[in-house]
């Protein structure tokens, strides 16, 4: 396994450079247990951080020992552009200390708060959910039409911005009408605090309305955790991150993972370093030998 990892590590490093050179990334994190003899329980709670580049359809998994800002801070040190995340506080800290990052948020996360708030105030929560449904229907239409970035920006400006402006005003008007700890109070406060970041997708045609694409990339890891329970070491977790990076990127590009992996191992030792990019899942179909 270690020999295989050393062979394809240069490809992972190249993919890392390409992903972090993007202008728009979706970021998420998920836990993974790791065997660690030095830990009091023998198991360390580590985290996989995901960086998804929707434009190039590449997903980078990066293993870190914690969920604090040190991981994304190191990875995004030279990043200049937009990151789309959930409301986790680490991303706010990162944004506050990084002059070149624009922080935007996930509409699906805001929506979940209002789904939960239906039990608190059904009429008003459903009002918000209906407005959000209008926004999502527009996105479905644009995706079905394979709209260009310019077309997406124009359509959102015409149809989504008025809805967002109305909803933003509603959030402001209702901010103090509910107990802060109530489901409705929490939903309104969450969305109101992040409204500019939740609405920012309308300004950039390449952006998605939510983070669902990167969250979908987490699912194979979640299934894997149930089967293998933990990584054998921190080094094994790093190798696992690389393999999940490749497999998730293959899936994003509609590539059969085994075929890709077999071809890469057959060619990577002899391929010219300048041609290494041809093996990336986003380029593999174009350069695959016939």
C-alpha atoms as a PDB file:
ATOM      1  CA  UNK A   1       0.000   0.000   0.000  1.00  0.00           C
ATOM      2  CA  UNK A   2       2.802   2.403   0.917  1.00  0.00           C
ATOM      3  CA  UNK A   3       4.558   1.713  -2.399  1.00  0.00           C
ATOM      4  CA  UNK A   4       1.363   2.448  -4.306  1.00  0.00           C
ATOM      5  CA  UNK A   5       0.861   5.660  -2.367  1.00  0.00           C
ATOM      6  CA  UNK A   6       4.392   6.831  -3.141  1.00  0.00           C
ATOM      7  CA  UNK A   7       3.779   6.191  -6.845  1.00  0.00           C
ATOM      8  CA  UNK A   8       0.647   8.300  -7.073  1.00  0.00           C
ATOM      9  CA  UNK A   9       1.562  10.916  -4.482  1.00  0.00           C
ATOM     10  CA  UNK A  10       2.909  13.334  -7.142  1.00  0.00           C
ATOM     11  CA  UNK A  11      -0.499  13.197  -8.828  1.00  0.00           C
ATOM     12  CA  UNK A  12      -2.230  14.064  -5.549  1.00  0.00           C
ATOM     13  CA  UNK A  13       0.180  16.962  -5.023  1.00  0.00           C
ATOM     14  CA  UNK A  14      -0.588  18.223  -8.524  1.00  0.00           C
ATOM     15  CA  UNK A  15      -4.303  17.955  -7.866  1.00  0.00           C
ATOM     16  CA  UNK A  16      -3.845  19.875  -4.623  1.00  0.00           C
ATOM     17  CA  UNK A  17      -2.122  22.715  -6.460  1.00  0.00           C
ATOM     18  CA  UNK A  18      -4.838  22.856  -9.115  1.00  0.00           C
ATOM     19  CA  UNK A  19      -7.695  22.782  -6.603  1.00  0.00           C
ATOM     20  CA  UNK A  20      -6.171  25.487  -4.416  1.00  0.00           C
ATOM     21  CA  UNK A  21      -5.540  27.652  -7.471  1.00  0.00           C
ATOM     22  CA  UNK A  22      -9.270  27.852  -8.169  1.00  0.00           C
ATOM     23  CA  UNK A  23     -11.285  31.009  -7.538  1.00  0.00           C
ATOM     24  CA  UNK A  24     -14.224  29.175  -5.971  1.00  0.00           C
ATOM     25  CA  UNK A  25     -14.169  26.259  -3.541  1.00  0.00           C
ATOM     26  CA  UNK A  26     -16.752  24.453  -1.458  1.00  0.00           C
ATOM     27  CA  UNK A  27     -15.334  23.367   1.895  1.00  0.00           C
ATOM     28  CA  UNK A  28     -16.586  20.852   4.449  1.00  0.00           C
ATOM     29  CA  UNK A  29     -15.208  18.593   7.168  1.00  0.00           C
ATOM     30  CA  UNK A  30     -16.114  15.208   8.598  1.00  0.00           C
ATOM     31  CA  UNK A  31     -14.707  13.066  11.448  1.00  0.00           C
ATOM     32  CA  UNK A  32     -12.622   9.921  11.117  1.00  0.00           C
ATOM     33  CA  UNK A  33     -11.315   7.758  13.965  1.00  0.00           C
ATOM     34  CA  UNK A  34      -7.628   6.862  13.931  1.00  0.00           C
ATOM     35  CA  UNK A  35      -5.742   4.280  15.988  1.00  0.00           C
ATOM     36  CA  UNK A  36      -3.194   6.053  18.179  1.00  0.00           C
ATOM     37  CA  UNK A  37      -1.257   4.274  20.939  1.00  0.00           C
ATOM     38  CA  UNK A  38      -0.391   7.610  22.536  1.00  0.00           C
ATOM     39  CA  UNK A  39      -4.047   8.507  23.005  1.00  0.00           C
ATOM     40  CA  UNK A  40      -5.579   7.596  26.360  1.00  0.00           C
ATOM     41  CA  UNK A  41      -8.324   5.553  24.686  1.00  0.00           C
ATOM     42  CA  UNK A  42      -6.145   4.242  21.900  1.00  0.00           C
ATOM     43  CA  UNK A  43      -8.282   6.055  19.321  1.00  0.00           C
ATOM     44  CA  UNK A  44      -7.825   9.623  18.131  1.00  0.00           C
ATOM     45  CA  UNK A  45     -10.658  11.691  16.675  1.00  0.00           C
ATOM     46  CA  UNK A  46      -9.274  13.121  13.455  1.00  0.00           C
ATOM     47  CA  UNK A  47     -10.961  15.010  10.626  1.00  0.00           C
ATOM     48  CA  UNK A  48     -11.091  14.889   6.874  1.00  0.00           C
ATOM     49  CA  UNK A  49     -11.334  18.342   5.353  1.00  0.00           C
ATOM     50  CA  UNK A  50     -12.812  18.473   1.852  1.00  0.00           C
ATOM     51  CA  UNK A  51     -12.071  21.110  -0.777  1.00  0.00           C
ATOM     52  CA  UNK A  52     -14.298  20.781  -3.822  1.00  0.00           C
ATOM     53  CA  UNK A  53     -13.603  22.681  -7.037  1.00  0.00           C
ATOM     54  CA  UNK A  54     -16.969  22.567  -8.885  1.00  0.00           C
ATOM     55  CA  UNK A  55     -15.583  24.117 -12.074  1.00  0.00           C
ATOM     56  CA  UNK A  56     -12.839  21.498 -12.554  1.00  0.00           C
ATOM     57  CA  UNK A  57     -14.863  18.747 -10.833  1.00  0.00           C
ATOM     58  CA  UNK A  58     -12.053  17.825  -8.450  1.00  0.00           C
ATOM     59  CA  UNK A  59     -12.380  16.963  -4.757  1.00  0.00           C
ATOM     60  CA  UNK A  60      -9.435  17.162  -2.384  1.00  0.00           C
ATOM     61  CA  UNK A  61      -9.527  15.295   0.942  1.00  0.00           C
ATOM     62  CA  UNK A  62      -6.978  16.479   3.494  1.00  0.00           C
ATOM     63  CA  UNK A  63      -6.504  14.641   6.794  1.00  0.00           C
ATOM     64  CA  UNK A  64      -5.881  16.698   9.916  1.00  0.00           C
ATOM     65  CA  UNK A  65      -5.711  15.674  13.541  1.00  0.00           C
ATOM     66  CA  UNK A  66      -8.194  18.310  14.679  1.00  0.00           C
ATOM     67  CA  UNK A  67     -11.184  20.421  13.692  1.00  0.00           C
ATOM     68  CA  UNK A  68      -9.597  23.757  14.573  1.00  0.00           C
ATOM     69  CA  UNK A  69      -8.542  26.369  12.047  1.00  0.00           C
ATOM     70  CA  UNK A  70      -4.968  25.085  11.629  1.00  0.00           C
ATOM     71  CA  UNK A  71      -5.904  22.671   8.825  1.00  0.00           C
ATOM     72  CA  UNK A  72      -7.803  25.010   6.505  1.00  0.00           C
ATOM     73  CA  UNK A  73      -5.504  27.884   7.475  1.00  0.00           C
ATOM     74  CA  UNK A  74      -2.515  25.951   6.164  1.00  0.00           C
ATOM     75  CA  UNK A  75      -4.289  24.673   3.064  1.00  0.00           C
ATOM     76  CA  UNK A  76      -5.785  28.038   2.120  1.00  0.00           C
ATOM     77  CA  UNK A  77      -2.790  30.196   3.037  1.00  0.00           C
ATOM     78  CA  UNK A  78      -2.272  31.316  -0.574  1.00  0.00           C
ATOM     79  CA  UNK A  79      -5.870  30.963  -1.730  1.00  0.00           C
ATOM     80  CA  UNK A  80      -7.561  33.976  -3.304  1.00  0.00           C
ATOM     81  CA  UNK A  81     -11.244  33.668  -4.022  1.00  0.00           C
ATOM     82  CA  UNK A  82     -14.597  32.467  -2.729  1.00  0.00           C
ATOM     83  CA  UNK A  83     -15.125  29.661  -0.240  1.00  0.00           C
ATOM     84  CA  UNK A  84     -18.618  28.323   0.384  1.00  0.00           C
ATOM     85  CA  UNK A  85     -19.201  26.621   3.711  1.00  0.00           C
ATOM     86  CA  UNK A  86     -21.710  25.829   6.417  1.00  0.00           C
ATOM     87  CA  UNK A  87     -21.918  28.030   9.509  1.00  0.00           C
ATOM     88  CA  UNK A  88     -19.065  26.398  11.438  1.00  0.00           C
ATOM     89  CA  UNK A  89     -17.226  29.090  13.440  1.00  0.00           C
ATOM     90  CA  UNK A  90     -13.747  28.100  12.210  1.00  0.00           C
ATOM     91  CA  UNK A  91     -14.566  29.426   8.752  1.00  0.00           C
ATOM     92  CA  UNK A  92     -15.524  32.795  10.237  1.00  0.00           C
ATOM     93  CA  UNK A  93     -12.209  32.925  12.113  1.00  0.00           C
ATOM     94  CA  UNK A  94     -10.368  32.008   8.928  1.00  0.00           C
ATOM     95  CA  UNK A  95     -12.188  34.729   6.993  1.00  0.00           C
ATOM     96  CA  UNK A  96     -11.461  37.357   9.645  1.00  0.00           C
ATOM     97  CA  UNK A  97      -7.736  36.668   9.356  1.00  0.00           C
ATOM     98  CA  UNK A  98      -7.432  36.124   5.605  1.00  0.00           C
ATOM     99  CA  UNK A  99      -7.622  39.252   3.412  1.00  0.00           C
ATOM    100  CA  UNK A 100      -8.117  37.380   0.141  1.00  0.00           C
ATOM    101  CA  UNK A 101     -11.017  35.087   1.064  1.00  0.00           C
ATOM    102  CA  UNK A 102     -14.673  35.887   0.423  1.00  0.00           C
ATOM    103  CA  UNK A 103     -16.835  33.792   2.737  1.00  0.00           C
ATOM    104  CA  UNK A 104     -20.202  32.587   1.443  1.00  0.00           C
ATOM    105  CA  UNK A 105     -22.714  30.142   2.843  1.00  0.00           C
ATOM    106  CA  UNK A 106     -24.968  27.192   2.080  1.00  0.00           C
ATOM    107  CA  UNK A 107     -28.692  27.792   1.567  1.00  0.00           C
ATOM    108  CA  UNK A 108     -29.450  24.155   2.373  1.00  0.00           C
ATOM    109  CA  UNK A 109     -28.114  24.628   5.905  1.00  0.00           C
ATOM    110  CA  UNK A 110     -30.293  27.692   6.437  1.00  0.00           C
ATOM    111  CA  UNK A 111     -33.266  25.808   5.043  1.00  0.00           C
ATOM    112  CA  UNK A 112     -32.824  22.949   7.533  1.00  0.00           C
ATOM    113  CA  UNK A 113     -33.290  25.373  10.412  1.00  0.00           C
ATOM    114  CA  UNK A 114     -36.659  26.443   9.032  1.00  0.00           C
ATOM    115  CA  UNK A 115     -37.700  22.846   8.397  1.00  0.00           C
ATOM    116  CA  UNK A 116     -37.111  22.245  12.091  1.00  0.00           C
ATOM    117  CA  UNK A 117     -38.968  25.478  12.938  1.00  0.00           C
ATOM    118  CA  UNK A 118     -42.230  24.303  11.324  1.00  0.00           C
ATOM    119  CA  UNK A 119     -43.148  22.770  14.681  1.00  0.00           C
ATOM    120  CA  UNK A 120     -42.691  26.187  16.290  1.00  0.00           C
ATOM    121  CA  UNK A 121     -44.576  28.402  13.824  1.00  0.00           C
ATOM    122  CA  UNK A 122     -45.875  26.423  10.873  1.00  0.00           C
ATOM    123  CA  UNK A 123     -47.271  29.366   8.912  1.00  0.00           C
ATOM    124  CA  UNK A 124     -44.203  31.595   9.057  1.00  0.00           C
ATOM    125  CA  UNK A 125     -41.678  28.784   8.665  1.00  0.00           C
ATOM    126  CA  UNK A 126     -43.514  27.532   5.588  1.00  0.00           C
ATOM    127  CA  UNK A 127     -43.521  31.057   4.186  1.00  0.00           C
ATOM    128  CA  UNK A 128     -39.721  31.053   4.278  1.00  0.00           C
ATOM    129  CA  UNK A 129     -39.538  27.520   2.900  1.00  0.00           C
ATOM    130  CA  UNK A 130     -41.818  28.478   0.006  1.00  0.00           C
ATOM    131  CA  UNK A 131     -39.531  31.393  -0.872  1.00  0.00           C
ATOM    132  CA  UNK A 132     -36.504  29.119  -0.754  1.00  0.00           C
ATOM    133  CA  UNK A 133     -38.323  26.600  -2.922  1.00  0.00           C
ATOM    134  CA  UNK A 134     -38.716  29.318  -5.556  1.00  0.00           C
ATOM    135  CA  UNK A 135     -34.953  29.844  -5.481  1.00  0.00           C
ATOM    136  CA  UNK A 136     -34.259  26.130  -5.871  1.00  0.00           C
ATOM    137  CA  UNK A 137     -36.733  25.742  -8.726  1.00  0.00           C
ATOM    138  CA  UNK A 138     -34.810  28.403 -10.614  1.00  0.00           C
ATOM    139  CA  UNK A 139     -31.561  26.507 -10.032  1.00  0.00           C
ATOM    140  CA  UNK A 140     -33.141  23.282 -11.287  1.00  0.00           C
ATOM    141  CA  UNK A 141     -34.279  25.073 -14.431  1.00  0.00           C
ATOM    142  CA  UNK A 142     -30.839  26.558 -15.082  1.00  0.00           C
ATOM    143  CA  UNK A 143     -29.143  23.192 -14.571  1.00  0.00           C
ATOM    144  CA  UNK A 144     -31.615  21.463 -16.897  1.00  0.00           C
ATOM    145  CA  UNK A 145     -30.875  24.067 -19.560  1.00  0.00           C
ATOM    146  CA  UNK A 146     -27.091  23.758 -19.075  1.00  0.00           C
ATOM    147  CA  UNK A 147     -27.036  27.513 -18.663  1.00  0.00           C
ATOM    148  CA  UNK A 148     -23.693  29.299 -18.988  1.00  0.00           C
ATOM    149  CA  UNK A 149     -22.252  31.268 -16.089  1.00  0.00           C
ATOM    150  CA  UNK A 150     -23.408  34.477 -17.740  1.00  0.00           C
ATOM    151  CA  UNK A 151     -26.926  33.118 -18.212  1.00  0.00           C
ATOM    152  CA  UNK A 152     -27.038  31.929 -14.607  1.00  0.00           C
ATOM    153  CA  UNK A 153     -25.947  35.323 -13.319  1.00  0.00           C
ATOM    154  CA  UNK A 154     -28.517  37.143 -15.448  1.00  0.00           C
ATOM    155  CA  UNK A 155     -31.374  34.788 -14.537  1.00  0.00           C
ATOM    156  CA  UNK A 156     -30.550  35.000 -10.855  1.00  0.00           C
ATOM    157  CA  UNK A 157     -30.403  38.786 -11.025  1.00  0.00           C
ATOM    158  CA  UNK A 158     -33.840  38.876 -12.628  1.00  0.00           C
ATOM    159  CA  UNK A 159     -35.629  36.133 -10.682  1.00  0.00           C
ATOM    160  CA  UNK A 160     -33.687  35.267  -7.498  1.00  0.00           C
ATOM    161  CA  UNK A 161     -32.512  38.661  -6.255  1.00  0.00           C
ATOM    162  CA  UNK A 162     -36.063  40.045  -5.761  1.00  0.00           C
ATOM    163  CA  UNK A 163     -36.987  36.950  -3.735  1.00  0.00           C
ATOM    164  CA  UNK A 164     -33.834  37.259  -1.641  1.00  0.00           C
ATOM    165  CA  UNK A 165     -34.423  40.956  -1.022  1.00  0.00           C
ATOM    166  CA  UNK A 166     -37.978  40.286   0.136  1.00  0.00           C
ATOM    167  CA  UNK A 167     -36.872  37.420   2.338  1.00  0.00           C
ATOM    168  CA  UNK A 168     -33.984  39.436   3.750  1.00  0.00           C
ATOM    169  CA  UNK A 169     -36.393  42.205   4.766  1.00  0.00           C
ATOM    170  CA  UNK A 170     -38.691  39.636   6.360  1.00  0.00           C
ATOM    171  CA  UNK A 171     -35.813  38.222   8.410  1.00  0.00           C
ATOM    172  CA  UNK A 172     -34.904  41.685   9.653  1.00  0.00           C
ATOM    173  CA  UNK A 173     -38.506  42.483  10.596  1.00  0.00           C
ATOM    174  CA  UNK A 174     -38.949  39.207  12.488  1.00  0.00           C
ATOM    175  CA  UNK A 175     -35.519  38.996  14.107  1.00  0.00           C
ATOM    176  CA  UNK A 176     -36.755  39.785  17.623  1.00  0.00           C
ATOM    177  CA  UNK A 177     -40.281  38.376  17.487  1.00  0.00           C
ATOM    178  CA  UNK A 178     -39.322  34.936  18.781  1.00  0.00           C
ATOM    179  CA  UNK A 179     -37.425  33.678  21.781  1.00  0.00           C
ATOM    180  CA  UNK A 180     -33.751  33.363  20.781  1.00  0.00           C
ATOM    181  CA  UNK A 181     -33.615  29.722  21.906  1.00  0.00           C
ATOM    182  CA  UNK A 182     -36.802  28.717  20.077  1.00  0.00           C
ATOM    183  CA  UNK A 183     -36.516  26.843  16.750  1.00  0.00           C
ATOM    184  CA  UNK A 184     -37.925  29.833  14.862  1.00  0.00           C
ATOM    185  CA  UNK A 185     -35.718  32.282  16.730  1.00  0.00           C
ATOM    186  CA  UNK A 186     -32.624  30.233  15.960  1.00  0.00           C
ATOM    187  CA  UNK A 187     -33.587  29.816  12.296  1.00  0.00           C
ATOM    188  CA  UNK A 188     -34.126  33.530  11.759  1.00  0.00           C
ATOM    189  CA  UNK A 189     -30.952  34.507  13.629  1.00  0.00           C
ATOM    190  CA  UNK A 190     -28.864  31.971  11.694  1.00  0.00           C
ATOM    191  CA  UNK A 191     -30.101  33.150   8.298  1.00  0.00           C
ATOM    192  CA  UNK A 192     -30.114  36.873   9.113  1.00  0.00           C
ATOM    193  CA  UNK A 193     -26.516  36.818  10.361  1.00  0.00           C
ATOM    194  CA  UNK A 194     -25.336  35.134   7.149  1.00  0.00           C
ATOM    195  CA  UNK A 195     -27.749  36.648   4.643  1.00  0.00           C
ATOM    196  CA  UNK A 196     -25.152  38.482   2.564  1.00  0.00           C
ATOM    197  CA  UNK A 197     -23.144  35.263   2.248  1.00  0.00           C
ATOM    198  CA  UNK A 198     -26.262  33.227   1.511  1.00  0.00           C
ATOM    199  CA  UNK A 199     -27.226  35.636  -1.280  1.00  0.00           C
ATOM    200  CA  UNK A 200     -23.749  35.963  -2.795  1.00  0.00           C
ATOM    201  CA  UNK A 201     -24.275  33.089  -5.248  1.00  0.00           C
ATOM    202  CA  UNK A 202     -26.426  35.409  -7.375  1.00  0.00           C
ATOM    203  CA  UNK A 203     -23.348  37.525  -8.158  1.00  0.00           C
ATOM    204  CA  UNK A 204     -21.209  34.685  -9.490  1.00  0.00           C
ATOM    205  CA  UNK A 205     -22.480  32.362 -12.201  1.00  0.00           C
ATOM    206  CA  UNK A 206     -20.025  29.610 -11.285  1.00  0.00           C
ATOM    207  CA  UNK A 207     -21.334  29.409  -7.723  1.00  0.00           C
ATOM    208  CA  UNK A 208     -23.908  26.946  -6.446  1.00  0.00           C
ATOM    209  CA  UNK A 209     -26.808  27.894  -4.196  1.00  0.00           C
ATOM    210  CA  UNK A 210     -25.636  25.407  -1.567  1.00  0.00           C
ATOM    211  CA  UNK A 211     -22.840  23.073  -0.537  1.00  0.00           C
ATOM    212  CA  UNK A 212     -24.626  19.857  -1.481  1.00  0.00           C
ATOM    213  CA  UNK A 213     -22.015  18.890  -4.077  1.00  0.00           C
ATOM    214  CA  UNK A 214     -19.232  18.696  -1.507  1.00  0.00           C
ATOM    215  CA  UNK A 215     -21.513  17.119   1.090  1.00  0.00           C
ATOM    216  CA  UNK A 216     -22.335  14.375  -1.421  1.00  0.00           C
ATOM    217  CA  UNK A 217     -18.609  13.659  -1.694  1.00  0.00           C
ATOM    218  CA  UNK A 218     -18.553  12.900   2.042  1.00  0.00           C
ATOM    219  CA  UNK A 219     -21.019  10.008   1.759  1.00  0.00           C
ATOM    220  CA  UNK A 220     -18.589   7.274   0.596  1.00  0.00           C
ATOM    221  CA  UNK A 221     -16.369   8.092   3.570  1.00  0.00           C
ATOM    222  CA  UNK A 222     -19.366   7.931   5.903  1.00  0.00           C
ATOM    223  CA  UNK A 223     -20.208   4.479   4.532  1.00  0.00           C
ATOM    224  CA  UNK A 224     -16.580   3.418   4.804  1.00  0.00           C
ATOM    225  CA  UNK A 225     -16.411   4.426   8.459  1.00  0.00           C
ATOM    226  CA  UNK A 226     -19.154   1.920   9.230  1.00  0.00           C
ATOM    227  CA  UNK A 227     -17.149  -0.873   7.588  1.00  0.00           C
ATOM    228  CA  UNK A 228     -13.534  -0.294   8.597  1.00  0.00           C
ATOM    229  CA  UNK A 229     -14.345   1.764  11.750  1.00  0.00           C
ATOM    230  CA  UNK A 230     -11.003   3.598  11.861  1.00  0.00           C
ATOM    231  CA  UNK A 231      -7.723   4.288  10.073  1.00  0.00           C
ATOM    232  CA  UNK A 232      -4.770   2.249  11.319  1.00  0.00           C
ATOM    233  CA  UNK A 233      -2.538   5.273  11.917  1.00  0.00           C
ATOM    234  CA  UNK A 234      -2.247   8.957  11.140  1.00  0.00           C
ATOM    235  CA  UNK A 235      -0.103   8.060   8.128  1.00  0.00           C
ATOM    236  CA  UNK A 236      -2.783   5.631   6.959  1.00  0.00           C
ATOM    237  CA  UNK A 237      -5.372   8.388   7.334  1.00  0.00           C
ATOM    238  CA  UNK A 238      -3.284  10.614   5.056  1.00  0.00           C
ATOM    239  CA  UNK A 239      -3.147   7.871   2.417  1.00  0.00           C
ATOM    240  CA  UNK A 240      -6.877   7.327   2.842  1.00  0.00           C
ATOM    241  CA  UNK A 241      -7.429  11.020   2.174  1.00  0.00           C
ATOM    242  CA  UNK A 242      -5.510  10.772  -1.086  1.00  0.00           C
ATOM    243  CA  UNK A 243      -7.461   7.747  -2.287  1.00  0.00           C
ATOM    244  CA  UNK A 244     -10.791   9.342  -1.406  1.00  0.00           C
ATOM    245  CA  UNK A 245      -9.638  12.430  -3.316  1.00  0.00           C
ATOM    246  CA  UNK A 246      -9.095  10.374  -6.449  1.00  0.00           C
ATOM    247  CA  UNK A 247     -12.231   8.269  -6.091  1.00  0.00           C
ATOM    248  CA  UNK A 248     -14.489  11.265  -5.416  1.00  0.00           C
ATOM    249  CA  UNK A 249     -12.983  13.138  -8.366  1.00  0.00           C
ATOM    250  CA  UNK A 250     -13.531  10.132 -10.627  1.00  0.00           C
ATOM    251  CA  UNK A 251     -17.173  10.078  -9.577  1.00  0.00           C
ATOM    252  CA  UNK A 252     -17.544  13.794 -10.302  1.00  0.00           C
ATOM    253  CA  UNK A 253     -16.213  13.145 -13.814  1.00  0.00           C
ATOM    254  CA  UNK A 254     -18.302  10.003 -14.441  1.00  0.00           C
ATOM    255  CA  UNK A 255     -15.241   7.765 -14.562  1.00  0.00           C
ATOM    256  CA  UNK A 256     -15.110   4.139 -13.441  1.00  0.00           C
ATOM    257  CA  UNK A 257     -12.758   4.281 -10.474  1.00  0.00           C
ATOM    258  CA  UNK A 258     -11.061   0.912 -11.014  1.00  0.00           C
ATOM    259  CA  UNK A 259     -10.401   1.570 -14.714  1.00  0.00           C
ATOM    260  CA  UNK A 260      -8.860   4.930 -13.873  1.00  0.00           C
ATOM    261  CA  UNK A 261      -6.724   3.534 -11.063  1.00  0.00           C
ATOM    262  CA  UNK A 262      -5.488   0.619 -13.172  1.00  0.00           C
ATOM    263  CA  UNK A 263      -4.517   2.925 -16.034  1.00  0.00           C
ATOM    264  CA  UNK A 264      -2.781   5.399 -13.731  1.00  0.00           C
ATOM    265  CA  UNK A 265      -0.638   2.749 -12.045  1.00  0.00           C
ATOM    266  CA  UNK A 266       0.327   1.363 -15.465  1.00  0.00           C
ATOM    267  CA  UNK A 267       1.377   4.752 -16.847  1.00  0.00           C
ATOM    268  CA  UNK A 268       2.504   6.951 -13.980  1.00  0.00           C
ATOM    269  CA  UNK A 269       6.053   5.576 -13.689  1.00  0.00           C
ATOM    270  CA  UNK A 270       6.843   6.229 -17.336  1.00  0.00           C
ATOM    271  CA  UNK A 271       4.870   9.394 -18.026  1.00  0.00           C
ATOM    272  CA  UNK A 272       6.714  12.671 -18.532  1.00  0.00           C
ATOM    273  CA  UNK A 273       6.398  14.937 -15.502  1.00  0.00           C
ATOM    274  CA  UNK A 274       5.005  17.716 -17.701  1.00  0.00           C
ATOM    275  CA  UNK A 275       2.252  15.366 -18.853  1.00  0.00           C
ATOM    276  CA  UNK A 276       1.226  14.275 -15.363  1.00  0.00           C
ATOM    277  CA  UNK A 277      -1.871  16.477 -15.549  1.00  0.00           C
ATOM    278  CA  UNK A 278      -3.266  14.116 -18.199  1.00  0.00           C
ATOM    279  CA  UNK A 279      -3.857  11.501 -15.499  1.00  0.00           C
ATOM    280  CA  UNK A 280      -6.080  13.720 -13.372  1.00  0.00           C
ATOM    281  CA  UNK A 281      -9.706  12.540 -13.344  1.00  0.00           C
ATOM    282  CA  UNK A 282     -10.780  15.837 -14.895  1.00  0.00           C
ATOM    283  CA  UNK A 283      -8.486  15.232 -17.908  1.00  0.00           C
ATOM    284  CA  UNK A 284      -8.238  11.451 -18.089  1.00  0.00           C
ATOM    285  CA  UNK A 285     -10.978  10.812 -20.665  1.00  0.00           C
ATOM    286  CA  UNK A 286      -9.411  13.287 -23.076  1.00  0.00           C
ATOM    287  CA  UNK A 287      -5.894  11.838 -22.870  1.00  0.00           C
ATOM    288  CA  UNK A 288      -6.608   8.174 -22.216  1.00  0.00           C
ATOM    289  CA  UNK A 289      -4.882   5.908 -24.782  1.00  0.00           C
ATOM    290  CA  UNK A 290      -7.296   4.257 -27.203  1.00  0.00           C
END
